[in-house]
Amino acid sequence: MEVVGVLGLIVVVLASGFFWVWDFLERMKSQEQAGLLGSESRTLLVIAHPDDEAMFFAPTVLGLTRLRHRVFLLCFSAGISQMTQVCSGTQSRWPASSSST
């Protein structure tokens, strides 16, 4: 029983040492990557729809602004959805397709 306890203790000590070194190396890597993009850098976020930056990229935008980046958004949509067209009555009406069976 004592041998199993000692081996278990050795495994725990080695595993915690491994994870401590791994965590240390990951933190160093993050600091190096953060240093690559200096303050006052400019970032352009290209999105397809008006709410994409809020729904999908909010953590990225917040992180970049915390690093003092100037973030610019370029949206390739006019912001008019199909639901907006239906509610406003501006949706084009196509003739109903006739299916011959």
C-alpha atoms as a PDB file:
ATOM      1  CA  MET A   1       0.000   0.000   0.000  1.00  0.00           C
ATOM      2  CA  GLU A   2       2.823   2.380   0.817  1.00  0.00           C
ATOM      3  CA  VAL A   3       4.380   1.866  -2.622  1.00  0.00           C
ATOM      4  CA  VAL A   4       1.090   2.763  -4.322  1.00  0.00           C
ATOM      5  CA  GLY A   5       0.787   5.904  -2.201  1.00  0.00           C
ATOM      6  CA  VAL A   6       4.339   6.985  -2.968  1.00  0.00           C
ATOM      7  CA  LEU A   7       3.873   6.320  -6.688  1.00  0.00           C
ATOM      8  CA  GLY A   8       0.611   8.287  -6.624  1.00  0.00           C
ATOM      9  CA  LEU A   9       2.357  11.196  -4.912  1.00  0.00           C
ATOM     10  CA  ILE A  10       5.155  11.120  -7.489  1.00  0.00           C
ATOM     11  CA  VAL A  11       2.612  11.155 -10.344  1.00  0.00           C
ATOM     12  CA  VAL A  12       0.786  14.106  -8.786  1.00  0.00           C
ATOM     13  CA  VAL A  13       4.014  16.080  -8.302  1.00  0.00           C
ATOM     14  CA  LEU A  14       5.217  15.360 -11.853  1.00  0.00           C
ATOM     15  CA  ALA A  15       1.822  16.216 -13.367  1.00  0.00           C
ATOM     16  CA  SER A  16       1.553  19.481 -11.454  1.00  0.00           C
ATOM     17  CA  GLY A  17       5.111  20.401 -12.491  1.00  0.00           C
ATOM     18  CA  PHE A  18       4.291  19.611 -16.105  1.00  0.00           C
ATOM     19  CA  PHE A  19       1.156  21.735 -16.032  1.00  0.00           C
ATOM     20  CA  TRP A  20       2.979  24.590 -14.282  1.00  0.00           C
ATOM     21  CA  VAL A  21       5.658  24.645 -17.010  1.00  0.00           C
ATOM     22  CA  TRP A  22       3.023  24.382 -19.745  1.00  0.00           C
ATOM     23  CA  ASP A  23       1.013  27.262 -18.230  1.00  0.00           C
ATOM     24  CA  PHE A  24       4.177  29.364 -17.903  1.00  0.00           C
ATOM     25  CA  LEU A  25       5.095  28.770 -21.560  1.00  0.00           C
ATOM     26  CA  GLU A  26       1.551  29.614 -22.712  1.00  0.00           C
ATOM     27  CA  ARG A  27       1.629  32.867 -20.754  1.00  0.00           C
ATOM     28  CA  MET A  28       4.977  33.794 -22.284  1.00  0.00           C
ATOM     29  CA  LYS A  29       3.642  33.010 -25.748  1.00  0.00           C
ATOM     30  CA  SER A  30       0.589  35.236 -25.120  1.00  0.00           C
ATOM     31  CA  GLN A  31       2.825  38.093 -23.993  1.00  0.00           C
ATOM     32  CA  GLU A  32       4.971  37.731 -27.115  1.00  0.00           C
ATOM     33  CA  GLN A  33       1.912  37.704 -29.358  1.00  0.00           C
ATOM     34  CA  ALA A  34       0.484  40.742 -27.576  1.00  0.00           C
ATOM     35  CA  GLY A  35       3.790  42.517 -28.134  1.00  0.00           C
ATOM     36  CA  LEU A  36       3.608  41.910 -31.881  1.00  0.00           C
ATOM     37  CA  LEU A  37       0.631  44.211 -32.165  1.00  0.00           C
ATOM     38  CA  GLY A  38       1.670  47.418 -30.493  1.00  0.00           C
ATOM     39  CA  SER A  39      -0.583  50.108 -29.162  1.00  0.00           C
ATOM     40  CA  GLU A  40      -2.134  52.514 -31.645  1.00  0.00           C
ATOM     41  CA  SER A  41      -2.298  49.754 -34.257  1.00  0.00           C
ATOM     42  CA  ARG A  42      -5.175  49.854 -36.691  1.00  0.00           C
ATOM     43  CA  THR A  43      -7.481  46.903 -37.327  1.00  0.00           C
ATOM     44  CA  LEU A  44     -10.117  46.564 -40.053  1.00  0.00           C
ATOM     45  CA  LEU A  45     -12.963  44.135 -39.353  1.00  0.00           C
ATOM     46  CA  VAL A  46     -14.838  43.224 -42.534  1.00  0.00           C
ATOM     47  CA  ILE A  47     -18.348  41.875 -41.928  1.00  0.00           C
ATOM     48  CA  ALA A  48     -21.224  40.882 -44.178  1.00  0.00           C
ATOM     49  CA  HIS A  49     -24.203  41.942 -42.059  1.00  0.00           C
ATOM     50  CA  PRO A  50     -24.766  44.916 -39.728  1.00  0.00           C
ATOM     51  CA  ASP A  51     -24.986  42.944 -36.455  1.00  0.00           C
ATOM     52  CA  ASP A  52     -22.147  40.481 -37.095  1.00  0.00           C
ATOM     53  CA  GLU A  53     -19.593  42.428 -35.070  1.00  0.00           C
ATOM     54  CA  ALA A  54     -21.893  42.359 -32.036  1.00  0.00           C
ATOM     55  CA  MET A  55     -23.053  38.756 -32.389  1.00  0.00           C
ATOM     56  CA  PHE A  56     -19.832  37.020 -33.420  1.00  0.00           C
ATOM     57  CA  PHE A  57     -16.804  39.276 -32.970  1.00  0.00           C
ATOM     58  CA  ALA A  58     -17.550  41.215 -29.765  1.00  0.00           C
ATOM     59  CA  PRO A  59     -14.758  39.515 -27.731  1.00  0.00           C
ATOM     60  CA  THR A  60     -12.248  40.228 -30.497  1.00  0.00           C
ATOM     61  CA  VAL A  61     -13.280  43.867 -30.818  1.00  0.00           C
ATOM     62  CA  LEU A  62     -13.211  44.363 -27.035  1.00  0.00           C
ATOM     63  CA  GLY A  63      -9.791  42.716 -26.753  1.00  0.00           C
ATOM     64  CA  LEU A  64      -8.348  44.865 -29.500  1.00  0.00           C
ATOM     65  CA  THR A  65      -9.722  48.059 -27.975  1.00  0.00           C
ATOM     66  CA  ARG A  66      -8.263  47.086 -24.603  1.00  0.00           C
ATOM     67  CA  LEU A  67      -4.894  46.806 -26.357  1.00  0.00           C
ATOM     68  CA  ARG A  68      -5.505  50.375 -27.600  1.00  0.00           C
ATOM     69  CA  HIS A  69      -6.097  49.411 -31.224  1.00  0.00           C
ATOM     70  CA  ARG A  70      -8.113  51.631 -33.493  1.00  0.00           C
ATOM     71  CA  VAL A  71     -10.836  49.297 -34.777  1.00  0.00           C
ATOM     72  CA  PHE A  72     -12.658  50.083 -38.018  1.00  0.00           C
ATOM     73  CA  LEU A  73     -15.709  48.198 -39.300  1.00  0.00           C
ATOM     74  CA  LEU A  74     -16.542  47.670 -42.969  1.00  0.00           C
ATOM     75  CA  CYS A  75     -20.010  46.226 -43.619  1.00  0.00           C
ATOM     76  CA  PHE A  76     -20.942  44.905 -47.075  1.00  0.00           C
ATOM     77  CA  SER A  77     -24.695  45.081 -46.534  1.00  0.00           C
ATOM     78  CA  ALA A  78     -27.235  47.869 -46.714  1.00  0.00           C
ATOM     79  CA  GLY A  79     -28.898  46.490 -43.600  1.00  0.00           C
ATOM     80  CA  ILE A  80     -32.154  45.632 -45.326  1.00  0.00           C
ATOM     81  CA  SER A  81     -33.322  42.154 -44.475  1.00  0.00           C
ATOM     82  CA  GLN A  82     -36.109  40.168 -46.050  1.00  0.00           C
ATOM     83  CA  MET A  83     -38.248  40.750 -42.951  1.00  0.00           C
ATOM     84  CA  THR A  84     -37.726  44.523 -43.251  1.00  0.00           C
ATOM     85  CA  GLN A  85     -38.893  44.377 -46.863  1.00  0.00           C
ATOM     86  CA  VAL A  86     -41.981  42.326 -45.969  1.00  0.00           C
ATOM     87  CA  CYS A  87     -42.991  44.705 -43.155  1.00  0.00           C
ATOM     88  CA  SER A  88     -42.441  47.846 -45.222  1.00  0.00           C
ATOM     89  CA  GLY A  89     -44.211  46.449 -48.292  1.00  0.00           C
ATOM     90  CA  THR A  90     -41.176  46.946 -50.558  1.00  0.00           C
ATOM     91  CA  GLN A  91     -40.555  43.263 -51.223  1.00  0.00           C
ATOM     92  CA  SER A  92     -40.721  42.409 -54.909  1.00  0.00           C
ATOM     93  CA  ARG A  93     -43.508  40.063 -55.829  1.00  0.00           C
ATOM     94  CA  TRP A  94     -42.573  37.293 -58.238  1.00  0.00           C
ATOM     95  CA  PRO A  95     -45.336  35.501 -60.072  1.00  0.00           C
ATOM     96  CA  ALA A  96     -46.223  32.198 -58.477  1.00  0.00           C
ATOM     97  CA  SER A  97     -44.521  29.355 -60.251  1.00  0.00           C
ATOM     98  CA  SER A  98     -46.918  26.943 -61.860  1.00  0.00           C
ATOM     99  CA  SER A  99     -45.982  23.359 -61.392  1.00  0.00           C
ATOM    100  CA  SER A 100     -47.392  20.934 -63.907  1.00  0.00           C
ATOM    101  CA  THR A 101     -47.658  17.416 -62.609  1.00  0.00           C
END
